[in-house]
Every structure is written in C-alpha cells, then in structure tokens.
Protein backbone atom coordinates (compact mmCIF):
# COMPACT_ATOMS: atom_id res chain seq x y z
CA MET A 1 20.40 51.26 23.91
CA VAL A 2 17.55 49.17 25.20
CA MET A 3 18.96 45.85 26.68
CA GLY A 4 16.60 43.05 27.86
CA ASN A 5 13.10 42.54 27.53
CA ASP A 6 12.29 45.23 29.03
CA LEU A 7 10.82 47.69 26.01
CA SER A 8 7.12 49.20 26.20
CA LEU A 9 5.66 51.00 23.73
CA THR A 10 1.86 52.56 23.93
CA LEU A 11 -0.03 53.78 21.16
CA ARG A 12 -2.68 56.54 21.44
CA LEU A 13 -4.91 56.46 18.57
CA LEU A 14 -6.24 59.65 17.29
CA GLU A 15 -9.33 58.08 15.21
CA SER A 16 -12.11 56.03 16.26
CA ASN A 17 -12.01 52.01 15.31
CA SER A 18 -14.52 52.63 12.83
CA THR A 19 -13.13 55.37 11.12
CA ILE A 20 -9.87 53.38 10.70
CA GLU A 21 -11.60 50.41 9.51
CA LYS A 22 -13.07 52.59 6.56
CA LYS A 23 -9.76 53.92 6.05
CA ILE A 24 -8.32 50.36 5.70
CA ARG A 25 -11.28 48.90 3.75
CA LYS A 26 -11.02 52.15 1.07
CA ALA A 27 -7.28 51.72 0.66
CA MET A 28 -8.10 48.02 0.01
CA ALA A 29 -10.57 48.67 -2.65
CA ALA A 30 -8.49 51.21 -4.27
CA GLU A 31 -6.11 48.64 -4.64
CA LEU A 32 -8.10 45.92 -5.77
CA ASN A 33 -9.89 47.73 -8.21
CA LYS A 34 -5.91 48.68 -9.78
CA LYS A 35 -5.29 45.33 -9.92
CA PHE A 36 -8.65 44.30 -11.68
CA ASN A 37 -8.38 47.09 -13.64
CA SER A 38 -4.68 45.88 -14.93
CA ILE A 39 -5.51 42.27 -15.27
CA GLY A 40 -8.29 43.30 -18.13
CA SER A 41 -11.26 42.57 -19.09
CA GLY A 42 -11.09 38.68 -19.40
CA PHE A 43 -10.34 37.97 -15.98
CA ARG A 44 -14.14 40.26 -14.85
CA VAL A 45 -16.07 38.64 -17.96
CA GLN A 46 -14.95 35.16 -15.83
CA LEU A 47 -15.60 36.72 -12.55
CA GLY A 48 -19.01 38.01 -13.35
CA LYS A 49 -19.64 34.36 -14.33
CA ALA A 50 -18.41 32.80 -11.17
CA LEU A 51 -20.59 35.37 -8.98
CA GLU A 52 -23.47 34.97 -11.19
CA SER A 53 -23.27 31.12 -10.39
CA TRP A 54 -22.59 31.23 -6.76
CA LEU A 55 -25.63 33.90 -6.35
CA MET A 56 -28.59 31.38 -8.59
CA ALA A 57 -26.80 28.75 -6.18
CA SER A 58 -27.99 30.54 -3.14
CA PRO A 59 -30.86 29.08 -0.78
CA ALA A 60 -32.14 32.61 -0.73
CA ILE A 61 -32.11 33.10 -4.34
CA LEU A 62 -33.19 29.38 -4.89
CA ALA A 63 -36.07 30.45 -2.47
CA ILE A 64 -37.28 33.20 -4.95
CA VAL A 65 -37.06 31.34 -8.25
CA ASN A 66 -38.27 28.25 -7.36
CA GLY A 67 -39.21 27.83 -3.76
CA PRO A 68 -41.96 28.93 -1.30
CA LEU A 69 -41.17 32.58 -2.05
CA LYS A 70 -41.86 32.26 -5.98
CA GLY A 71 -43.46 35.44 -6.58
CA ASP A 72 -43.93 36.79 -3.01
CA PHE A 73 -42.12 40.19 -3.62
CA GLY A 74 -43.35 41.32 -6.92
CA ILE A 75 -40.00 40.11 -8.26
CA PRO A 76 -40.31 38.69 -12.05
CA ILE A 77 -39.53 35.14 -12.25
CA LEU A 78 -36.21 34.88 -14.03
CA ASN A 79 -34.02 32.00 -15.14
CA ARG A 80 -31.26 34.20 -15.28
CA LEU A 81 -30.20 37.30 -13.69
CA PRO A 82 -29.47 39.90 -15.95
CA LYS A 83 -26.47 40.98 -17.27
CA ILE A 84 -24.58 43.58 -15.82
C-alpha cells in the first residue's frame, strides 16, 4: 500500500519517438477510414467539395492559376481541379 505523494513511476521506451509516432498515425488513419466508410458516400462528396474549395482558395494555387506563377511550371491552366 502506497501512502501520500511518494509514488514514482519510470517508463523505459523500447521504440524511438518516430516509430511510436508512425504507429499512432497509422492507427488513427485506420480508425478514421473506418468512420468515413461507415458514414457513407454523401459525406465523402461533401468533404471532396470542401477540400476543392480550400485548395482553390490557397495562395499557392491562386499564384499558379491567376498570379505571377501562371504557366511557369508547365502546368495547364485549369479553372477547376479534376474530379477525384
């Protein structure tokens, strides 16, 4: 039985921080994929439209499409991103 605040705990990690981070991200991605797949295609369509508008409003895309970088990279000028 431990009394008071004298409890001490030491952990020894067997893997590097980057390995642990990769495993956490992989597990999170798997869980999110399960959730998205169970919600249905309507949500994915809405998410796709939101992502398209966010991307098209980004400063980098605007500079390529309408600004000083227009045509500099050999990218055809598009009014909209292709459907995914």
